[in-house]
Amino acid sequence: MGPQAGGGNEVTALVELTGVSKFYGNIKALQDVSLQVHPGEISCVLGDNGAGKSTLIKIIAGLHQHDAGTFAVEGEERRLASPREALDLGIATVYQDLAVVPLMPVWRNFFLGSEPTRGTGPFKRLDVDTMRRTTRSEMLRMGIDLRDVDQPIGTLSGGERQCVAIARAVHFGAKVLVLDEPTAALGVKQSGVVLKYVAAARDAGLGVVLITHNPHHAHLVGDRFVLLKRGTMAGSHTKDEISLDELTRQMAGGSELEQLSHELERAPAPDLSRDGGSRG
């Protein structure tokens, strides 16, 4: 954990965005958005399609640079130039469309791009035994008991593939784990499995950023909530400040939804008795 801030008990955030904005020409993709990510906590970012969640992910992951505001990593202001730089700082991002090779075994995908080797020169080769053994032990450490690490990762369920990606990030030393809609394409049971391992990453001391449009999933595991609407902050709360019902109401649009419900109320049936009588 980072140093204490101002001599108090508050620990320096692993990642802190303050008043961050991102513009694409005249389009304001994000404007004045703030977010704190603390070790051992899950910060949830909620919003509908087009709310700015993807832009926020790309800034944290080092894909895009912010145009205004500050982005600090463990108290030091940064302007990330690439995803590699983000990884070097301990920020790992798991996107919804997982970057896996379906026909390769689980252990190969676990180490994809970071494969250990043995031997030197012309005798240098992949250390397959270490990769198999490490993958199995790291998955078990996260509470994931795979049937066989040699099976193609494409044969796993969507939830299991998400769990492999989470375990991989933990193994390679991530301090901050950014999860892009990890339960969006999953059923209730598989979503529960993924949320269980998101909580396991939190309990391992990571700071987790959970991007979602599902307030039920967010409130179940989240410690902090930031609501985005059309690129701006519609709310920022800690768990003890907001109930699930209120989070759902704000997420659904609150007053806008109430107004829509009035507009959609069934109109009274027209009185046809006079028309019928006039024809007689």
Protein backbone atom coordinates (compact mmCIF):
# COMPACT_ATOMS: atom_id res chain seq x y z
CA MET A 1 0.00 0.00 0.00
CA GLY A 2 1.11 3.52 -0.71
CA PRO A 3 2.11 6.19 1.78
CA GLN A 4 -0.39 7.92 3.95
CA ALA A 5 -1.86 11.12 2.61
CA GLY A 6 -1.38 14.26 4.68
CA GLY A 7 -0.49 12.37 7.86
CA GLY A 8 -4.02 10.91 8.08
CA ASN A 9 -5.25 7.35 7.80
CA GLU A 10 -6.17 7.57 4.15
CA VAL A 11 -3.94 5.49 1.90
CA THR A 12 -2.74 6.89 -1.42
CA ALA A 13 -4.92 5.60 -4.25
CA LEU A 14 -3.33 3.14 -6.68
CA VAL A 15 -4.95 5.09 -9.50
CA GLU A 16 -6.67 8.46 -9.22
CA LEU A 17 -8.30 10.44 -12.01
CA THR A 18 -9.29 14.02 -11.16
CA GLY A 19 -11.37 16.13 -13.54
CA VAL A 20 -10.23 14.07 -16.54
CA SER A 21 -11.55 15.03 -19.99
CA LYS A 22 -11.06 13.59 -23.47
CA PHE A 23 -11.99 15.33 -26.72
CA TYR A 24 -12.09 14.05 -30.29
CA GLY A 25 -12.29 17.26 -32.28
CA ASN A 26 -15.54 18.92 -31.21
CA ILE A 27 -16.85 15.73 -29.59
CA LYS A 28 -16.56 15.56 -25.80
CA ALA A 29 -16.12 11.85 -25.07
CA LEU A 30 -15.35 12.52 -21.37
CA GLN A 31 -15.65 15.70 -19.38
CA ASP A 32 -14.54 16.34 -15.80
CA VAL A 33 -14.60 12.70 -14.64
CA SER A 34 -12.99 11.65 -11.35
CA LEU A 35 -12.27 8.15 -10.05
CA GLN A 36 -10.27 6.62 -7.20
CA VAL A 37 -8.98 3.04 -7.11
CA HIS A 38 -7.71 1.78 -3.75
CA PRO A 39 -5.95 -1.50 -2.90
CA GLY A 40 -8.37 -4.19 -1.76
CA GLU A 41 -11.39 -2.32 -3.16
CA ILE A 42 -13.64 -2.58 -6.21
CA SER A 43 -14.53 0.70 -7.94
CA CYS A 44 -17.49 0.26 -10.28
CA VAL A 45 -18.05 2.47 -13.31
CA LEU A 46 -21.65 2.29 -14.51
CA GLY A 47 -23.28 3.75 -17.56
CA ASP A 48 -25.37 2.97 -20.59
CA ASN A 49 -24.01 2.59 -24.12
CA GLY A 50 -22.29 5.81 -25.16
CA ALA A 51 -21.79 6.96 -21.57
CA GLY A 52 -17.99 7.15 -21.93
CA LYS A 53 -17.00 3.88 -20.23
CA SER A 54 -14.86 2.68 -23.16
CA THR A 55 -13.00 6.00 -23.34
CA LEU A 56 -12.28 5.86 -19.62
CA ILE A 57 -10.91 2.30 -19.95
CA LYS A 58 -8.63 3.35 -22.81
CA ILE A 59 -7.17 6.22 -20.77
CA ILE A 60 -6.46 3.99 -17.75
CA ALA A 61 -5.04 1.25 -20.02
CA GLY A 62 -2.66 3.65 -21.80
CA LEU A 63 -4.36 3.41 -25.20
CA HIS A 64 -5.42 7.07 -25.19
CA GLN A 65 -4.07 10.11 -23.34
CA HIS A 66 -6.36 12.48 -21.48
CA ASP A 67 -6.66 16.08 -22.69
CA ALA A 68 -7.43 17.75 -19.35
CA GLY A 69 -7.37 16.94 -15.66
CA THR A 70 -4.84 14.74 -13.84
CA PHE A 71 -4.13 11.00 -13.91
CA ALA A 72 -2.00 9.80 -10.98
CA VAL A 73 -0.57 6.33 -10.32
CA GLU A 74 0.32 5.78 -6.64
CA GLY A 75 0.39 9.53 -6.08
CA GLU A 76 2.61 10.37 -9.08
CA GLU A 77 1.04 12.21 -12.00
CA ARG A 78 1.34 10.28 -15.25
CA ARG A 79 0.52 10.54 -18.94
CA LEU A 80 0.68 7.00 -20.24
CA ALA A 81 2.11 6.58 -23.73
CA SER A 82 1.16 2.94 -24.32
CA PRO A 83 -0.51 -0.16 -22.84
CA ARG A 84 3.00 -1.53 -22.21
CA GLU A 85 3.73 1.42 -19.94
CA ALA A 86 0.46 0.80 -18.08
CA LEU A 87 1.41 -2.87 -17.61
CA ASP A 88 4.85 -1.89 -16.34
CA LEU A 89 3.10 0.24 -13.71
CA GLY A 90 0.94 -2.72 -12.70
CA ILE A 91 -2.28 -1.78 -14.56
CA ALA A 92 -3.76 -4.81 -16.36
CA THR A 93 -6.89 -4.52 -18.51
CA VAL A 94 -9.12 -7.47 -19.39
CA TYR A 95 -11.38 -6.56 -22.30
CA GLN A 96 -14.79 -8.05 -22.99
CA ASP A 97 -13.51 -9.66 -26.21
CA LEU A 98 -10.70 -11.61 -24.54
CA ALA A 99 -7.42 -11.73 -26.44
CA VAL A 100 -7.07 -15.51 -26.48
CA VAL A 101 -6.16 -18.09 -29.13
CA PRO A 102 -9.11 -20.54 -28.96
CA LEU A 103 -7.26 -23.61 -30.26
CA MET A 104 -4.25 -23.21 -27.96
CA PRO A 105 -4.29 -24.91 -24.55
CA VAL A 106 -5.13 -22.99 -21.40
CA TRP A 107 -1.50 -22.94 -20.19
CA ARG A 108 -0.27 -21.47 -23.49
CA ASN A 109 -2.86 -18.69 -23.35
CA PHE A 110 -1.99 -18.05 -19.70
CA PHE A 111 1.62 -17.22 -20.68
CA LEU A 112 0.89 -15.82 -24.15
CA GLY A 113 3.58 -13.22 -24.90
CA SER A 114 5.48 -13.94 -21.67
CA GLU A 115 6.58 -17.54 -22.17
CA PRO A 116 9.46 -18.80 -19.95
CA THR A 117 12.22 -20.68 -21.74
CA ARG A 118 15.03 -23.06 -20.85
CA GLY A 119 18.38 -23.65 -22.49
CA THR A 120 20.43 -21.22 -24.57
CA GLY A 121 21.27 -20.57 -28.19
CA PRO A 122 20.05 -23.29 -30.60
CA PHE A 123 18.92 -25.38 -27.58
CA LYS A 124 16.57 -22.68 -26.29
CA ARG A 125 12.97 -23.89 -26.04
CA LEU A 126 9.73 -23.20 -24.22
CA ASP A 127 9.61 -24.40 -20.63
CA VAL A 128 6.33 -26.27 -21.07
CA ASP A 129 6.47 -28.13 -17.74
CA THR A 130 6.84 -24.88 -15.79
CA MET A 131 3.99 -23.26 -17.72
CA ARG A 132 1.65 -26.20 -17.12
CA ARG A 133 2.53 -26.43 -13.44
CA THR A 134 2.33 -22.67 -12.83
CA THR A 135 -0.99 -22.32 -14.65
CA ARG A 136 -2.55 -25.12 -12.61
CA SER A 137 -1.25 -23.77 -9.27
CA GLU A 138 -2.19 -20.14 -10.01
CA MET A 139 -5.70 -21.14 -11.02
CA LEU A 140 -6.07 -23.20 -7.84
CA ARG A 141 -4.78 -20.29 -5.77
CA MET A 142 -7.65 -18.20 -7.13
CA GLY A 143 -10.03 -21.06 -6.34
CA ILE A 144 -10.39 -22.16 -9.96
CA ASP A 145 -10.13 -25.93 -10.41
CA LEU A 146 -9.85 -26.56 -14.15
CA ARG A 147 -10.36 -30.08 -15.42
CA ASP A 148 -7.27 -29.97 -17.62
CA VAL A 149 -4.87 -27.10 -18.42
CA ASP A 150 -4.05 -28.87 -21.71
CA GLN A 151 -7.56 -28.43 -23.08
CA PRO A 152 -8.03 -25.69 -25.71
CA ILE A 153 -9.16 -22.49 -24.04
CA GLY A 154 -11.93 -22.24 -26.63
CA THR A 155 -13.65 -25.22 -24.97
CA LEU A 156 -14.07 -23.28 -21.71
CA SER A 157 -17.22 -21.32 -20.93
CA GLY A 158 -17.18 -17.54 -21.19
CA GLY A 159 -17.04 -17.26 -17.42
CA GLU A 160 -14.11 -19.66 -17.16
CA ARG A 161 -12.15 -17.73 -19.81
CA GLN A 162 -12.71 -14.51 -17.86
CA CYS A 163 -11.42 -16.26 -14.73
CA VAL A 164 -8.27 -17.41 -16.55
CA ALA A 165 -7.63 -13.79 -17.60
CA ILE A 166 -8.09 -12.57 -14.00
CA ALA A 167 -5.73 -15.25 -12.60
CA ARG A 168 -3.17 -14.35 -15.30
CA ALA A 169 -3.23 -10.67 -14.33
CA VAL A 170 -2.76 -11.53 -10.65
CA HIS A 171 0.15 -13.88 -11.45
CA PHE A 172 2.00 -11.31 -13.53
CA GLY A 173 1.96 -8.78 -10.70
CA ALA A 174 -0.96 -6.50 -11.49
CA LYS A 175 -1.78 -3.94 -8.82
CA VAL A 176 -4.81 -2.58 -10.66
CA LEU A 177 -7.19 -4.82 -12.61
CA VAL A 178 -9.55 -3.16 -15.09
CA LEU A 179 -12.43 -5.41 -16.19
CA ASP A 180 -14.48 -4.36 -19.21
CA GLU A 181 -18.05 -5.67 -18.85
CA PRO A 182 -16.90 -9.16 -17.73
CA THR A 183 -20.46 -10.43 -17.20
CA ALA A 184 -22.17 -8.75 -20.18
CA ALA A 185 -22.54 -11.89 -22.32
CA LEU A 186 -22.99 -14.38 -19.47
CA GLY A 187 -25.97 -16.01 -17.81
CA VAL A 188 -26.79 -15.69 -14.12
CA LYS A 189 -24.73 -18.69 -12.97
CA GLN A 190 -21.63 -17.82 -15.01
CA SER A 191 -21.88 -14.18 -13.94
CA GLY A 192 -21.83 -15.34 -10.32
CA VAL A 193 -18.68 -17.36 -10.99
CA VAL A 194 -16.90 -14.36 -12.51
CA LEU A 195 -17.96 -12.03 -9.67
CA LYS A 196 -16.58 -14.57 -7.20
CA TYR A 197 -13.14 -14.32 -8.80
CA VAL A 198 -13.38 -10.54 -9.09
CA ALA A 199 -13.85 -10.57 -5.31
CA ALA A 200 -10.88 -12.96 -5.00
CA ALA A 201 -8.68 -10.44 -6.86
CA ARG A 202 -9.88 -7.73 -4.46
CA ASP A 203 -9.09 -9.97 -1.47
CA ALA A 204 -5.60 -10.52 -2.91
CA GLY A 205 -5.03 -6.78 -2.43
CA LEU A 206 -5.60 -5.56 -5.98
CA GLY A 207 -7.51 -2.42 -6.80
CA VAL A 208 -10.26 -3.44 -9.22
CA VAL A 209 -12.10 -1.25 -11.73
CA LEU A 210 -15.31 -3.01 -12.76
CA ILE A 211 -16.95 -1.52 -15.85
CA THR A 212 -20.59 -2.60 -16.08
CA HIS A 213 -24.10 -1.57 -17.01
CA ASN A 214 -25.59 -3.94 -14.42
CA PRO A 215 -26.27 -2.20 -11.07
CA HIS A 216 -27.12 -5.52 -9.37
CA HIS A 217 -23.67 -6.95 -10.14
CA ALA A 218 -22.00 -3.66 -9.19
CA HIS A 219 -23.74 -3.30 -5.83
CA LEU A 220 -23.05 -6.95 -4.97
CA VAL A 221 -19.25 -6.53 -5.01
CA GLY A 222 -18.52 -2.81 -5.33
CA ASP A 223 -17.06 -0.43 -2.73
CA ARG A 224 -17.26 2.75 -4.82
CA PHE A 225 -19.58 3.70 -7.68
CA VAL A 226 -19.13 6.26 -10.44
CA LEU A 227 -22.08 6.78 -12.78
CA LEU A 228 -21.42 8.15 -16.26
CA LYS A 229 -23.96 9.73 -18.57
CA ARG A 230 -23.02 11.11 -21.99
CA GLY A 231 -19.41 11.47 -20.96
CA THR A 232 -20.04 13.32 -17.70
CA MET A 233 -20.36 12.17 -14.10
CA ALA A 234 -23.96 11.62 -13.04
CA GLY A 235 -22.96 10.54 -9.54
CA SER A 236 -20.15 9.29 -7.28
CA HIS A 237 -20.91 7.24 -4.15
CA THR A 238 -19.43 4.81 -1.66
CA LYS A 239 -21.40 1.67 -0.83
CA ASP A 240 -22.66 3.00 2.50
CA GLU A 241 -24.05 6.09 0.75
CA ILE A 242 -26.33 4.39 -1.78
CA SER A 243 -28.77 1.49 -1.81
CA LEU A 244 -29.25 -0.92 -4.69
CA ASP A 245 -32.67 0.61 -5.44
CA GLU A 246 -31.23 4.11 -5.62
CA LEU A 247 -28.25 2.95 -7.71
CA THR A 248 -30.66 1.23 -10.10
CA ARG A 249 -32.87 4.34 -10.25
CA GLN A 250 -29.92 6.60 -11.06
CA MET A 251 -28.57 4.11 -13.56
CA ALA A 252 -31.96 3.87 -15.28
CA GLY A 253 -32.24 7.63 -15.62
CA GLY A 254 -34.38 8.39 -12.58
CA SER A 255 -36.54 11.39 -13.41
CA GLU A 256 -36.21 10.74 -17.16
CA LEU A 257 -37.66 7.25 -16.67
CA GLU A 258 -40.53 8.65 -14.58
CA GLN A 259 -41.28 11.18 -17.29
CA LEU A 260 -41.22 8.44 -19.92
CA SER A 261 -43.60 6.29 -17.87
CA HIS A 262 -46.13 9.16 -17.88
CA GLU A 263 -45.75 9.54 -21.64
CA LEU A 264 -46.33 5.82 -22.15
CA GLU A 265 -49.41 5.59 -19.95
CA ARG A 266 -52.32 3.98 -21.73
CA ALA A 267 -54.62 6.62 -23.16
CA PRO A 268 -58.34 6.32 -22.28
CA ALA A 269 -60.34 4.40 -24.85
CA PRO A 270 -62.17 6.71 -27.28
CA ASP A 271 -65.95 7.04 -26.84
CA LEU A 272 -67.42 5.52 -30.02
CA SER A 273 -71.07 5.56 -28.87
CA ARG A 274 -71.92 8.87 -30.60
CA ASP A 275 -70.28 7.80 -33.84
CA GLY A 276 -72.20 4.56 -33.79
CA GLY A 277 -75.47 6.38 -33.14
CA SER A 278 -74.98 8.83 -35.98
CA ARG A 279 -74.62 6.01 -38.48
CA GLY A 280 -77.94 4.46 -37.44
